[in-house]
Protein backbone atom coordinates (compact mmCIF):
# COMPACT_ATOMS: atom_id res chain seq x y z
CA UNK A 1 14.78 53.96 9.70
CA UNK A 2 14.31 51.09 7.25
CA UNK A 3 17.11 49.15 8.96
CA UNK A 4 15.40 49.50 12.33
CA UNK A 5 12.11 48.31 10.85
CA UNK A 6 13.80 45.29 9.28
CA UNK A 7 15.53 44.52 12.60
CA UNK A 8 12.18 44.63 14.42
CA UNK A 9 10.61 42.39 11.77
CA UNK A 10 13.50 39.92 12.14
CA UNK A 11 13.21 39.89 15.94
CA UNK A 12 9.46 39.27 15.65
CA UNK A 13 10.08 36.42 13.20
CA UNK A 14 12.59 34.86 15.60
CA UNK A 15 10.09 35.20 18.48
CA UNK A 16 7.43 33.49 16.39
CA UNK A 17 9.90 30.79 15.39
CA UNK A 18 10.72 30.00 19.00
CA UNK A 19 7.08 30.17 20.09
CA UNK A 20 5.73 28.03 17.26
CA UNK A 21 8.45 25.39 17.29
CA UNK A 22 6.83 22.04 16.46
CA UNK A 23 3.32 23.50 16.77
CA UNK A 24 2.71 24.35 13.12
CA UNK A 25 2.98 21.95 10.23
CA UNK A 26 6.10 22.27 8.16
CA UNK A 27 5.83 24.21 4.92
CA UNK A 28 6.75 22.69 1.57
CA UNK A 29 9.06 24.93 -0.47
CA UNK A 30 10.64 24.72 -3.90
CA UNK A 31 14.07 26.14 -4.74
CA UNK A 32 16.39 25.88 -7.72
CA UNK A 33 19.81 24.44 -6.89
CA UNK A 34 22.70 23.53 -9.15
CA UNK A 35 22.39 19.76 -9.74
CA UNK A 36 26.08 19.09 -9.00
CA UNK A 37 25.83 20.99 -5.70
CA UNK A 38 22.68 19.11 -4.68
CA UNK A 39 24.19 15.75 -5.62
CA UNK A 40 27.36 16.42 -3.62
CA UNK A 41 25.30 17.64 -0.65
CA UNK A 42 23.07 14.54 -0.73
CA UNK A 43 26.09 12.22 -0.95
CA UNK A 44 27.78 13.91 2.01
CA UNK A 45 24.57 13.63 4.04
CA UNK A 46 24.31 9.93 3.13
CA UNK A 47 27.85 9.42 4.45
CA UNK A 48 26.77 11.11 7.70
CA UNK A 49 23.57 9.00 7.73
CA UNK A 50 21.44 12.15 7.87
CA UNK A 51 18.51 13.03 5.62
CA UNK A 52 19.62 15.93 3.47
CA UNK A 53 16.42 17.88 4.14
CA UNK A 54 17.04 17.65 7.89
CA UNK A 55 20.57 18.95 7.34
CA UNK A 56 19.23 21.91 5.34
CA UNK A 57 16.86 22.80 8.21
CA UNK A 58 19.71 22.41 10.71
CA UNK A 59 21.94 24.73 8.67
CA UNK A 60 19.16 27.32 8.42
CA UNK A 61 18.61 27.24 12.19
CA UNK A 62 22.37 27.54 12.86
CA UNK A 63 22.54 30.54 10.53
CA UNK A 64 19.70 32.29 12.36
CA UNK A 65 21.14 31.54 15.80
CA UNK A 66 24.62 32.70 14.79
CA UNK A 67 23.33 36.15 13.85
CA UNK A 68 21.06 36.74 16.82
């Protein structure tokens, strides 16, 4: 039963995400990341001429879409 509830919550979150796209302000978050990993990620994004924060958001969206 808990799995079904979590699935419904996830589907609702995805519906809200699609409905609210670009309507709400973005939310500032703080996470701890290994400095070497962050540095390598930033450097790779610089090579691709992409802001690393935009790439993080893109990866998050791809992850959600892949599992829907």
